Structures are given as structure tokens and as C-alpha cells.
Amino acid sequence: MQKILFIVTLLLAFLTQVGGVEARVNIAGASAKIHTIVQPSAPVSVARSTSANDYVTKRHAIRSVLSSYGSPMESEVDAFMRACIKYDIDCYLLPSIAGLESTFGRFIWPESYNAFGWGGGYIMFEDWETGIDTVAKGLRKGYVSQGHITPQMIGGKYSESPTWAVRVNIFIGQFERAESSNALQSVNIALQ
């Protein structure tokens, strides 16, 4: 796995130096894994996959983690994916916030469908999809569009807890590990 990552890193470095191509760059330091697309004079944009393969891989990773927690939101994976694409936010950010704030919807005010602690957790949504879409829109408008794209940047405004960003990053890491695990399984199947 390390050899594959090394080769991909070298390839991205080469393509970035050649110019005119998109490259993912770690913008949050060693502790976070949220990335942004870097292009000459491009507006702030959080990386989101547009290829069908990346979409399926991220979708599967989200479903895998939600399932491992027995989340009542497991059936809402497509709502998470639609929201990350529609509002151009990292696909793992919103489910990671739900993981931290409510253990993926397991511990919420009854029938609130507010897994995100949005509005102090007092805001009631009609259903999971409405909550997901509303919070994603709020993240885009109130945070990401203002340049707050990492959990560290978002945390000070989103939560009073000084450890909020660190804990969101722990959940993001779980999604990334699930994605890597799924990718390795796909490579192993392809090689057989």
C-alpha cells in the first residue's frame, strides 16, 4: 500500500509541476486529511470526486462506517453524497460531524433528525434528508464559502469545545481508512 501511495504522490507532484492540472494538496497539516483543489486563480473549493469510481468508493466508505456504528442514518448515504456534491463540501465532513455530535444519529432529541448539533441541537428537521441538506447548505454558506474548509477553521465557530476539530478529524480518519480498505479490496479482486 505504501508503494502505491508513494507512486501516486510522485505522479501528482509531477503533474502539478507540469501545470494546468488539478492536484490535491493537504491544507490542514499533518493532523487533518481534508483537501482542496488547487488551480490558478480558482475560488476556494473542497475536494469532491466527480468520477463514478470515486463516488462509489466514498459512498461505500460512508455506508461501511455508518453500519459499523448501527447508525439509523445508514439508509441516508445517498443524501450525504448528494449534499457534498450539491454544496461542494468534503464528502466526509458532514457524516463526521454527525459522528461526533450524535454518534451518527443514535443519540438525538427524539424525532428531531438533527444529528449535527445544528442550532445547539434544538432545531427539528422533518427527516434525515432535510437535516443533511440544511446543515450542508449552512456549512457551505456560513463556513466553506468564507474560507473555513478544515475542521480546525470550522470548529471555533461551530462549537464551543476546543477539541471539536480534533474529534471530527478522528471520524474523518475512519471514513478515509474505510475508503482505503475498500480500494485495496478492489485492487486485490482485480489482480486475482
N, C-alpha and C. Protein backbone atom coordinates (compact mmCIF):
# COMPACT_ATOMS: atom_id res chain seq x y z
N MET A 1 0.82 -1.19 0.00
CA MET A 1 0.00 0.00 0.00
C MET A 1 0.87 1.25 0.00
N GLN A 2 1.96 1.23 0.80
CA GLN A 2 2.84 2.39 0.86
C GLN A 2 3.49 2.66 -0.49
N LYS A 3 3.82 1.61 -1.23
CA LYS A 3 4.42 1.79 -2.56
C LYS A 3 3.43 2.47 -3.49
N ILE A 4 2.17 2.04 -3.43
CA ILE A 4 1.14 2.64 -4.29
C ILE A 4 0.97 4.12 -3.94
N LEU A 5 0.89 4.44 -2.64
CA LEU A 5 0.74 5.83 -2.22
C LEU A 5 1.94 6.67 -2.66
N PHE A 6 3.14 6.10 -2.55
CA PHE A 6 4.35 6.81 -2.95
C PHE A 6 4.32 7.11 -4.45
N ILE A 7 3.94 6.13 -5.24
CA ILE A 7 3.87 6.31 -6.70
C ILE A 7 2.82 7.36 -7.06
N VAL A 8 1.66 7.29 -6.43
CA VAL A 8 0.60 8.27 -6.70
C VAL A 8 1.06 9.67 -6.31
N THR A 9 1.75 9.79 -5.16
CA THR A 9 2.25 11.09 -4.72
C THR A 9 3.26 11.65 -5.72
N LEU A 10 4.16 10.80 -6.18
CA LEU A 10 5.14 11.25 -7.19
C LEU A 10 4.45 11.69 -8.47
N LEU A 11 3.46 10.93 -8.91
CA LEU A 11 2.73 11.27 -10.12
C LEU A 11 2.02 12.61 -9.96
N LEU A 12 1.36 12.81 -8.83
CA LEU A 12 0.67 14.10 -8.59
C LEU A 12 1.66 15.25 -8.54
N ALA A 13 2.80 15.04 -7.90
CA ALA A 13 3.82 16.09 -7.84
C ALA A 13 4.30 16.45 -9.25
N PHE A 14 4.53 15.44 -10.08
CA PHE A 14 4.97 15.68 -11.45
C PHE A 14 3.91 16.44 -12.23
N LEU A 15 2.66 15.98 -12.14
CA LEU A 15 1.58 16.64 -12.88
C LEU A 15 1.36 18.07 -12.42
N THR A 16 1.53 18.32 -11.13
CA THR A 16 1.38 19.67 -10.60
C THR A 16 2.46 20.59 -11.18
N GLN A 17 3.69 20.09 -11.27
CA GLN A 17 4.78 20.89 -11.80
C GLN A 17 4.61 21.16 -13.28
N VAL A 18 4.01 20.22 -14.00
CA VAL A 18 3.78 20.41 -15.43
C VAL A 18 2.79 21.55 -15.63
N GLY A 19 1.82 21.70 -14.72
CA GLY A 19 0.86 22.80 -14.76
C GLY A 19 -0.40 22.46 -15.51
N GLY A 20 -1.45 23.24 -15.24
CA GLY A 20 -2.70 23.09 -15.96
C GLY A 20 -3.54 21.91 -15.53
N VAL A 21 -3.16 21.22 -14.47
CA VAL A 21 -3.96 20.11 -14.00
C VAL A 21 -4.31 20.33 -12.54
N GLU A 22 -5.37 19.67 -12.10
CA GLU A 22 -5.77 19.77 -10.71
C GLU A 22 -4.92 18.82 -9.89
N ALA A 23 -4.62 19.22 -8.66
CA ALA A 23 -3.89 18.35 -7.75
C ALA A 23 -4.43 18.55 -6.35
N ARG A 24 -4.50 17.47 -5.59
CA ARG A 24 -4.94 17.58 -4.21
C ARG A 24 -3.74 17.96 -3.35
N VAL A 25 -3.95 18.91 -2.47
CA VAL A 25 -2.89 19.39 -1.60
C VAL A 25 -3.42 19.37 -0.17
N ASN A 26 -2.67 18.83 0.74
CA ASN A 26 -3.07 18.81 2.14
C ASN A 26 -2.94 20.22 2.67
N ILE A 27 -4.06 20.81 3.08
CA ILE A 27 -4.02 22.19 3.54
C ILE A 27 -4.14 22.32 5.04
N ALA A 28 -4.35 21.20 5.75
CA ALA A 28 -4.63 21.30 7.17
C ALA A 28 -3.51 20.77 8.04
N GLY A 29 -2.38 20.48 7.47
CA GLY A 29 -1.29 19.96 8.26
C GLY A 29 -1.41 18.47 8.47
N ALA A 30 -0.55 17.95 9.28
CA ALA A 30 -0.48 16.51 9.45
C ALA A 30 -1.68 15.91 10.17
N SER A 31 -2.41 16.71 10.95
CA SER A 31 -3.49 16.12 11.73
C SER A 31 -4.77 15.93 10.96
N ALA A 32 -4.98 16.68 9.91
CA ALA A 32 -6.25 16.59 9.18
C ALA A 32 -6.03 16.06 7.79
N LYS A 33 -7.09 15.53 7.21
CA LYS A 33 -6.98 14.94 5.90
C LYS A 33 -7.96 15.55 4.91
N ILE A 34 -8.45 16.75 5.19
CA ILE A 34 -9.33 17.41 4.23
C ILE A 34 -8.44 18.08 3.19
N HIS A 35 -8.83 18.00 1.95
CA HIS A 35 -8.02 18.51 0.86
C HIS A 35 -8.79 19.57 0.09
N THR A 36 -8.06 20.34 -0.68
CA THR A 36 -8.68 21.32 -1.55
C THR A 36 -8.10 21.19 -2.95
N ILE A 37 -8.84 21.61 -3.94
CA ILE A 37 -8.36 21.61 -5.31
C ILE A 37 -7.58 22.90 -5.53
N VAL A 38 -6.36 22.77 -6.06
CA VAL A 38 -5.53 23.94 -6.29
C VAL A 38 -5.45 24.17 -7.79
N GLN A 39 -5.90 25.32 -8.22
CA GLN A 39 -5.82 25.72 -9.61
C GLN A 39 -5.45 27.20 -9.63
N PRO A 40 -4.80 27.67 -10.68
CA PRO A 40 -4.51 29.09 -10.76
C PRO A 40 -5.80 29.89 -10.67
N SER A 41 -5.83 30.85 -9.77
CA SER A 41 -6.94 31.77 -9.54
C SER A 41 -8.30 31.08 -9.39
N ALA A 42 -8.32 29.90 -8.80
CA ALA A 42 -9.59 29.20 -8.56
C ALA A 42 -10.16 29.63 -7.22
N PRO A 43 -11.48 29.69 -7.10
CA PRO A 43 -12.07 30.00 -5.81
C PRO A 43 -11.86 28.84 -4.84
N VAL A 44 -12.03 29.10 -3.54
CA VAL A 44 -11.88 28.04 -2.55
C VAL A 44 -12.88 26.95 -2.86
N SER A 45 -12.38 25.74 -2.96
CA SER A 45 -13.23 24.59 -3.25
C SER A 45 -12.70 23.39 -2.51
N VAL A 46 -13.56 22.70 -1.82
CA VAL A 46 -13.15 21.49 -1.12
C VAL A 46 -13.21 20.34 -2.11
N ALA A 47 -12.21 19.46 -2.02
CA ALA A 47 -12.14 18.35 -2.97
C ALA A 47 -13.39 17.50 -2.91
N ARG A 48 -13.92 17.20 -4.03
CA ARG A 48 -15.01 16.25 -4.15
C ARG A 48 -14.80 15.50 -5.44
N SER A 49 -15.05 14.25 -5.39
CA SER A 49 -14.80 13.41 -6.55
C SER A 49 -15.93 13.54 -7.55
N THR A 50 -15.57 13.59 -8.81
CA THR A 50 -16.59 13.66 -9.85
C THR A 50 -16.65 12.35 -10.64
N SER A 51 -15.62 11.53 -10.53
CA SER A 51 -15.65 10.28 -11.28
C SER A 51 -16.60 9.30 -10.61
N ALA A 52 -17.19 8.45 -11.41
CA ALA A 52 -18.14 7.46 -10.90
C ALA A 52 -17.46 6.52 -9.91
N ASN A 53 -16.22 6.14 -10.18
CA ASN A 53 -15.50 5.24 -9.30
C ASN A 53 -15.27 5.87 -7.92
N ASP A 54 -14.84 7.14 -7.89
CA ASP A 54 -14.62 7.82 -6.62
C ASP A 54 -15.93 7.99 -5.86
N TYR A 55 -17.00 8.29 -6.57
CA TYR A 55 -18.31 8.44 -5.95
C TYR A 55 -18.72 7.14 -5.27
N VAL A 56 -18.57 6.04 -5.98
CA VAL A 56 -18.94 4.74 -5.44
C VAL A 56 -18.06 4.39 -4.24
N THR A 57 -16.78 4.68 -4.33
CA THR A 57 -15.85 4.37 -3.25
C THR A 57 -16.20 5.16 -1.99
N LYS A 58 -16.46 6.46 -2.13
CA LYS A 58 -16.82 7.28 -0.97
C LYS A 58 -18.17 6.86 -0.40
N ARG A 59 -19.09 6.57 -1.27
CA ARG A 59 -20.42 6.13 -0.85
C ARG A 59 -20.31 4.84 -0.03
N HIS A 60 -19.50 3.91 -0.52
CA HIS A 60 -19.32 2.65 0.18
C HIS A 60 -18.63 2.87 1.53
N ALA A 61 -17.66 3.76 1.59
CA ALA A 61 -16.95 4.05 2.85
C ALA A 61 -17.92 4.64 3.88
N ILE A 62 -18.76 5.56 3.44
CA ILE A 62 -19.73 6.16 4.36
C ILE A 62 -20.69 5.10 4.87
N ARG A 63 -21.21 4.28 3.98
CA ARG A 63 -22.14 3.21 4.39
C ARG A 63 -21.45 2.27 5.38
N SER A 64 -20.21 1.92 5.12
CA SER A 64 -19.47 0.99 5.96
C SER A 64 -19.32 1.52 7.39
N VAL A 65 -18.92 2.78 7.51
CA VAL A 65 -18.73 3.36 8.84
C VAL A 65 -20.07 3.52 9.56
N LEU A 66 -21.09 4.03 8.86
CA LEU A 66 -22.40 4.18 9.49
C LEU A 66 -22.92 2.83 9.98
N SER A 67 -22.74 1.81 9.17
CA SER A 67 -23.18 0.46 9.53
C SER A 67 -22.45 -0.05 10.76
N SER A 68 -21.16 0.22 10.83
CA SER A 68 -20.37 -0.28 11.97
C SER A 68 -20.82 0.33 13.29
N TYR A 69 -21.46 1.48 13.24
CA TYR A 69 -21.97 2.14 14.45
C TYR A 69 -23.46 1.84 14.68
N GLY A 70 -24.07 1.08 13.81
CA GLY A 70 -25.51 0.83 13.95
C GLY A 70 -26.31 2.11 13.79
N SER A 71 -25.87 2.96 12.88
CA SER A 71 -26.50 4.26 12.70
C SER A 71 -27.87 4.17 12.05
N PRO A 72 -28.85 4.92 12.58
CA PRO A 72 -30.14 4.99 11.91
C PRO A 72 -30.07 5.79 10.60
N MET A 73 -28.91 6.40 10.35
CA MET A 73 -28.70 7.19 9.13
C MET A 73 -28.11 6.36 8.00
N GLU A 74 -27.88 5.09 8.21
CA GLU A 74 -27.24 4.25 7.20
C GLU A 74 -27.99 4.30 5.86
N SER A 75 -29.29 4.41 5.89
CA SER A 75 -30.07 4.46 4.65
C SER A 75 -29.98 5.82 3.96
N GLU A 76 -29.28 6.78 4.57
CA GLU A 76 -29.19 8.14 4.03
C GLU A 76 -27.85 8.43 3.36
N VAL A 77 -27.12 7.39 3.01
CA VAL A 77 -25.81 7.59 2.37
C VAL A 77 -25.96 8.42 1.10
N ASP A 78 -26.98 8.15 0.29
CA ASP A 78 -27.16 8.92 -0.93
C ASP A 78 -27.47 10.39 -0.64
N ALA A 79 -28.17 10.67 0.46
CA ALA A 79 -28.44 12.06 0.84
C ALA A 79 -27.13 12.75 1.21
N PHE A 80 -26.23 12.06 1.92
CA PHE A 80 -24.92 12.63 2.22
C PHE A 80 -24.15 12.92 0.93
N MET A 81 -24.18 11.99 -0.01
CA MET A 81 -23.45 12.17 -1.26
C MET A 81 -24.03 13.32 -2.09
N ARG A 82 -25.36 13.38 -2.18
CA ARG A 82 -25.99 14.49 -2.92
C ARG A 82 -25.60 15.83 -2.31
N ALA A 83 -25.61 15.90 -0.98
CA ALA A 83 -25.29 17.15 -0.29
C ALA A 83 -23.84 17.57 -0.52
N CYS A 84 -22.90 16.62 -0.47
CA CYS A 84 -21.49 17.00 -0.66
C CYS A 84 -21.25 17.49 -2.08
N ILE A 85 -21.94 16.93 -3.03
CA ILE A 85 -21.79 17.37 -4.42
C ILE A 85 -22.52 18.70 -4.64
N LYS A 86 -23.74 18.78 -4.17
CA LYS A 86 -24.56 19.99 -4.37
C LYS A 86 -23.90 21.22 -3.75
N TYR A 87 -23.33 21.07 -2.55
CA TYR A 87 -22.78 22.22 -1.83
C TYR A 87 -21.26 22.27 -1.87
N ASP A 88 -20.65 21.36 -2.62
CA ASP A 88 -19.20 21.35 -2.81
C ASP A 88 -18.45 21.35 -1.48
N ILE A 89 -18.77 20.38 -0.65
CA ILE A 89 -18.07 20.20 0.62
C ILE A 89 -17.47 18.80 0.65
N ASP A 90 -16.46 18.62 1.48
CA ASP A 90 -15.82 17.32 1.61
C ASP A 90 -16.88 16.29 1.99
N CYS A 91 -16.89 15.18 1.29
CA CYS A 91 -17.93 14.16 1.49
C CYS A 91 -17.89 13.51 2.86
N TYR A 92 -16.77 13.60 3.56
CA TYR A 92 -16.67 13.00 4.88
C TYR A 92 -16.91 14.00 6.01
N LEU A 93 -16.95 15.27 5.72
CA LEU A 93 -17.12 16.29 6.76
C LEU A 93 -18.46 16.16 7.47
N LEU A 94 -19.54 16.18 6.73
CA LEU A 94 -20.87 16.16 7.33
C LEU A 94 -21.14 14.87 8.12
N PRO A 95 -20.86 13.69 7.56
CA PRO A 95 -21.06 12.50 8.39
C PRO A 95 -20.13 12.46 9.61
N SER A 96 -18.95 13.05 9.50
CA SER A 96 -18.04 13.08 10.65
C SER A 96 -18.59 13.97 11.75
N ILE A 97 -19.20 15.08 11.38
CA ILE A 97 -19.83 15.94 12.37
C ILE A 97 -20.97 15.18 13.05
N ALA A 98 -21.75 14.45 12.27
CA ALA A 98 -22.83 13.63 12.84
C ALA A 98 -22.26 12.56 13.78
N GLY A 99 -21.11 12.02 13.43
CA GLY A 99 -20.47 11.03 14.29
C GLY A 99 -20.11 11.62 15.64
N LEU A 100 -19.54 12.80 15.61
CA LEU A 100 -19.14 13.45 16.85
C LEU A 100 -20.35 13.93 17.66
N GLU A 101 -21.26 14.59 17.01
CA GLU A 101 -22.36 15.24 17.72
C GLU A 101 -23.42 14.28 18.24
N SER A 102 -23.59 13.12 17.59
CA SER A 102 -24.71 12.25 18.00
C SER A 102 -24.44 10.76 17.79
N THR A 103 -23.18 10.38 17.62
CA THR A 103 -22.84 9.01 17.26
C THR A 103 -23.68 8.58 16.06
N PHE A 104 -23.62 9.39 15.02
CA PHE A 104 -24.29 9.13 13.74
C PHE A 104 -25.80 8.99 13.89
N GLY A 105 -26.39 9.90 14.67
CA GLY A 105 -27.85 9.94 14.79
C GLY A 105 -28.42 9.02 15.85
N ARG A 106 -27.58 8.32 16.57
CA ARG A 106 -28.09 7.39 17.59
C ARG A 106 -28.57 8.11 18.84
N PHE A 107 -27.96 9.26 19.15
CA PHE A 107 -28.30 9.98 20.37
C PHE A 107 -28.71 11.41 20.02
N ILE A 108 -29.99 11.58 19.75
CA ILE A 108 -30.54 12.88 19.38
C ILE A 108 -31.82 13.12 20.17
N TRP A 109 -32.28 14.36 20.14
CA TRP A 109 -33.59 14.66 20.69
C TRP A 109 -34.60 13.85 19.89
N PRO A 110 -35.54 13.17 20.55
CA PRO A 110 -36.47 12.30 19.82
C PRO A 110 -37.15 12.98 18.63
N GLU A 111 -37.08 12.30 17.50
CA GLU A 111 -37.73 12.73 16.25
C GLU A 111 -37.23 14.07 15.72
N SER A 112 -36.04 14.50 16.15
CA SER A 112 -35.52 15.79 15.67
C SER A 112 -34.79 15.64 14.35
N TYR A 113 -34.26 14.46 14.07
CA TYR A 113 -33.46 14.20 12.88
C TYR A 113 -32.29 15.19 12.77
N ASN A 114 -31.84 15.68 13.92
CA ASN A 114 -30.72 16.63 13.97
C ASN A 114 -29.52 15.92 14.58
N ALA A 115 -28.76 15.26 13.72
CA ALA A 115 -27.58 14.50 14.16
C ALA A 115 -26.34 15.37 14.26
N PHE A 116 -26.46 16.65 13.97
CA PHE A 116 -25.30 17.52 13.79
C PHE A 116 -25.12 18.54 14.91
N GLY A 117 -26.00 18.55 15.88
CA GLY A 117 -25.93 19.57 16.91
C GLY A 117 -26.24 20.95 16.35
N TRP A 118 -26.86 20.99 15.19
CA TRP A 118 -27.17 22.25 14.50
C TRP A 118 -28.13 23.06 15.35
N GLY A 119 -27.80 24.32 15.55
CA GLY A 119 -28.63 25.17 16.40
C GLY A 119 -28.63 24.70 17.85
N GLY A 120 -27.48 24.20 18.30
CA GLY A 120 -27.37 23.69 19.65
C GLY A 120 -28.10 22.36 19.83
N GLY A 121 -28.53 21.78 18.72
CA GLY A 121 -29.26 20.52 18.77
C GLY A 121 -30.75 20.69 18.95
N TYR A 122 -31.20 21.95 19.03
CA TYR A 122 -32.62 22.21 19.29
C TYR A 122 -33.46 22.34 18.02
N ILE A 123 -32.82 22.45 16.90
CA ILE A 123 -33.57 22.58 15.64
C ILE A 123 -34.11 21.21 15.25
N MET A 124 -35.37 21.19 14.85
CA MET A 124 -36.02 19.94 14.46
C MET A 124 -36.12 19.92 12.93
N PHE A 125 -35.78 18.77 12.35
CA PHE A 125 -35.91 18.58 10.92
C PHE A 125 -37.01 17.57 10.65
N GLU A 126 -37.59 17.66 9.48
CA GLU A 126 -38.69 16.77 9.09
C GLU A 126 -38.24 15.31 8.96
N ASP A 127 -37.01 15.14 8.45
CA ASP A 127 -36.45 13.81 8.25
C ASP A 127 -34.94 13.94 8.12
N TRP A 128 -34.23 12.79 8.03
CA TRP A 128 -32.77 12.82 7.93
C TRP A 128 -32.31 13.62 6.71
N GLU A 129 -32.95 13.39 5.57
CA GLU A 129 -32.51 14.05 4.34
C GLU A 129 -32.61 15.56 4.45
N THR A 130 -33.69 16.06 5.04
CA THR A 130 -33.85 17.51 5.22
C THR A 130 -32.75 18.04 6.14
N GLY A 131 -32.46 17.31 7.20
CA GLY A 131 -31.39 17.73 8.11
C GLY A 131 -30.04 17.75 7.42
N ILE A 132 -29.75 16.72 6.67
CA ILE A 132 -28.47 16.63 5.95
C ILE A 132 -28.34 17.79 4.97
N ASP A 133 -29.38 18.04 4.19
CA ASP A 133 -29.33 19.10 3.19
C ASP A 133 -29.21 20.48 3.85
N THR A 134 -29.97 20.70 4.90
CA THR A 134 -29.96 22.01 5.57
C THR A 134 -28.60 22.30 6.19
N VAL A 135 -28.03 21.33 6.86
CA VAL A 135 -26.73 21.54 7.50
C VAL A 135 -25.63 21.68 6.46
N ALA A 136 -25.69 20.90 5.39
CA ALA A 136 -24.69 21.04 4.31
C ALA A 136 -24.76 22.43 3.70
N LYS A 137 -25.97 22.91 3.45
CA LYS A 137 -26.15 24.26 2.91
C LYS A 137 -25.60 25.30 3.89
N GLY A 138 -25.87 25.11 5.17
CA GLY A 138 -25.35 26.02 6.19
C GLY A 138 -23.84 26.00 6.28
N LEU A 139 -23.24 24.81 6.15
CA LEU A 139 -21.78 24.72 6.15
C LEU A 139 -21.19 25.45 4.94
N ARG A 140 -21.82 25.28 3.79
CA ARG A 140 -21.32 25.95 2.58
C ARG A 140 -21.42 27.46 2.74
N LYS A 141 -22.58 27.93 3.15
CA LYS A 141 -22.83 29.38 3.23
C LYS A 141 -22.09 30.04 4.39
N GLY A 142 -22.13 29.44 5.56
CA GLY A 142 -21.59 30.09 6.74
C GLY A 142 -20.14 29.78 7.06
N TYR A 143 -19.56 28.81 6.37
CA TYR A 143 -18.21 28.40 6.69
C TYR A 143 -17.33 28.28 5.45
N VAL A 144 -17.63 27.31 4.59
CA VAL A 144 -16.77 26.99 3.45
C VAL A 144 -16.64 28.18 2.50
N SER A 145 -17.74 28.85 2.19
CA SER A 145 -17.66 29.98 1.26
C SER A 145 -16.87 31.15 1.84
N GLN A 146 -16.66 31.14 3.14
CA GLN A 146 -15.85 32.16 3.80
C GLN A 146 -14.42 31.69 4.04
N GLY A 147 -14.08 30.55 3.44
CA GLY A 147 -12.72 30.03 3.54
C GLY A 147 -12.48 29.09 4.70
N HIS A 148 -13.50 28.80 5.49
CA HIS A 148 -13.37 27.87 6.62
C HIS A 148 -13.63 26.45 6.11
N ILE A 149 -12.57 25.78 5.66
CA ILE A 149 -12.76 24.49 4.99
C ILE A 149 -12.23 23.30 5.77
N THR A 150 -11.45 23.54 6.79
CA THR A 150 -10.95 22.44 7.61
C THR A 150 -11.71 22.40 8.93
N PRO A 151 -11.73 21.26 9.58
CA PRO A 151 -12.37 21.22 10.90
C PRO A 151 -11.77 22.24 11.87
N GLN A 152 -10.46 22.48 11.78
CA GLN A 152 -9.83 23.46 12.66
C GLN A 152 -10.41 24.85 12.42
N MET A 153 -10.65 25.20 11.18
CA MET A 153 -11.20 26.51 10.84
C MET A 153 -12.68 26.60 11.20
N ILE A 154 -13.39 25.51 11.03
CA ILE A 154 -14.83 25.48 11.28
C ILE A 154 -15.12 25.42 12.77
N GLY A 155 -14.31 24.67 13.51
CA GLY A 155 -14.59 24.36 14.91
C GLY A 155 -14.83 25.53 15.83
N GLY A 156 -14.04 26.58 15.71
CA GLY A 156 -14.18 27.73 16.60
C GLY A 156 -15.53 28.41 16.48
N LYS A 157 -16.10 28.35 15.32
CA LYS A 157 -17.40 28.97 15.09
C LYS A 157 -18.55 27.97 15.31
N TYR A 158 -18.32 26.71 15.00
CA TYR A 158 -19.36 25.69 15.07
C TYR A 158 -19.62 25.23 16.50
N SER A 159 -18.57 25.16 17.30
CA SER A 159 -18.68 24.56 18.62
C SER A 159 -17.88 25.35 19.65
N GLU A 160 -18.32 25.29 20.89
CA GLU A 160 -17.58 25.92 21.97
C GLU A 160 -16.42 25.05 22.44
N SER A 161 -16.43 23.78 22.09
CA SER A 161 -15.41 22.86 22.55
C SER A 161 -14.08 23.09 21.82
N PRO A 162 -12.99 23.24 22.56
CA PRO A 162 -11.69 23.43 21.90
C PRO A 162 -11.17 22.14 21.26
N THR A 163 -11.81 21.01 21.56
CA THR A 163 -11.35 19.73 20.97
C THR A 163 -12.27 19.26 19.84
N TRP A 164 -13.24 20.07 19.46
CA TRP A 164 -14.21 19.68 18.43
C TRP A 164 -13.51 19.25 17.14
N ALA A 165 -12.60 20.06 16.64
CA ALA A 165 -11.94 19.77 15.35
C ALA A 165 -11.13 18.48 15.42
N VAL A 166 -10.42 18.29 16.50
CA VAL A 166 -9.63 17.06 16.66
C VAL A 166 -10.54 15.84 16.60
N ARG A 167 -11.67 15.91 17.28
CA ARG A 167 -12.59 14.77 17.32
C ARG A 167 -13.29 14.56 15.98
N VAL A 168 -13.61 15.64 15.25
CA VAL A 168 -14.17 15.48 13.91
C VAL A 168 -13.14 14.80 13.00
N ASN A 169 -11.89 15.20 13.14
CA ASN A 169 -10.84 14.58 12.33
C ASN A 169 -10.67 13.09 12.62
N ILE A 170 -10.95 12.66 13.83
CA ILE A 170 -10.89 11.23 14.15
C ILE A 170 -11.92 10.48 13.30
N PHE A 171 -13.13 11.05 13.18
CA PHE A 171 -14.15 10.41 12.36
C PHE A 171 -13.79 10.48 10.88
N ILE A 172 -13.25 11.60 10.43
CA ILE A 172 -12.82 11.70 9.03
C ILE A 172 -11.80 10.59 8.74
N GLY A 173 -10.89 10.37 9.68
CA GLY A 173 -9.91 9.30 9.52
C GLY A 173 -10.55 7.93 9.39
N GLN A 174 -11.64 7.70 10.10
CA GLN A 174 -12.34 6.42 9.99
C GLN A 174 -12.90 6.24 8.58
N PHE A 175 -13.48 7.30 8.02
CA PHE A 175 -14.00 7.21 6.65
C PHE A 175 -12.87 7.00 5.65
N GLU A 176 -11.76 7.69 5.85
CA GLU A 176 -10.62 7.53 4.93
C GLU A 176 -10.04 6.12 5.01
N ARG A 177 -9.97 5.56 6.21
CA ARG A 177 -9.47 4.18 6.33
C ARG A 177 -10.42 3.20 5.68
N ALA A 178 -11.73 3.44 5.83
CA ALA A 178 -12.71 2.57 5.17
C ALA A 178 -12.57 2.67 3.65
N GLU A 179 -12.33 3.89 3.16
CA GLU A 179 -12.14 4.08 1.72
C GLU A 179 -10.89 3.35 1.25
N SER A 180 -9.80 3.48 1.99
CA SER A 180 -8.55 2.80 1.61
C SER A 180 -8.71 1.29 1.64
N SER A 181 -9.39 0.82 2.65
CA SER A 181 -9.64 -0.62 2.77
C SER A 181 -10.46 -1.12 1.59
N ASN A 182 -11.48 -0.37 1.22
CA ASN A 182 -12.31 -0.75 0.08
C ASN A 182 -11.52 -0.72 -1.22
N ALA A 183 -10.64 0.29 -1.36
CA ALA A 183 -9.82 0.40 -2.56
C ALA A 183 -8.86 -0.78 -2.66
N LEU A 184 -8.27 -1.16 -1.52
CA LEU A 184 -7.36 -2.31 -1.52
C LEU A 184 -8.09 -3.59 -1.87
N GLN A 185 -9.30 -3.75 -1.36
CA GLN A 185 -10.09 -4.93 -1.70
C GLN A 185 -10.38 -4.97 -3.20
N SER A 186 -10.67 -3.81 -3.77
CA SER A 186 -10.94 -3.74 -5.21
C SER A 186 -9.71 -4.10 -6.01
N VAL A 187 -8.54 -3.63 -5.58
CA VAL A 187 -7.30 -3.94 -6.27
C VAL A 187 -7.02 -5.43 -6.18
N ASN A 188 -7.22 -6.01 -5.01
CA ASN A 188 -6.98 -7.44 -4.83
C ASN A 188 -7.90 -8.27 -5.72
N ILE A 189 -9.16 -7.87 -5.83
CA ILE A 189 -10.12 -8.58 -6.69
C ILE A 189 -9.69 -8.46 -8.15
N ALA A 190 -9.25 -7.27 -8.54
CA ALA A 190 -8.84 -7.05 -9.93
C ALA A 190 -7.58 -7.86 -10.28
N LEU A 191 -6.69 -8.05 -9.30
CA LEU A 191 -5.46 -8.78 -9.56
C LEU A 191 -5.66 -10.28 -9.59
N GLN A 192 -6.76 -10.78 -9.05
CA GLN A 192 -6.98 -12.22 -8.99
C GLN A 192 -7.49 -12.76 -10.29
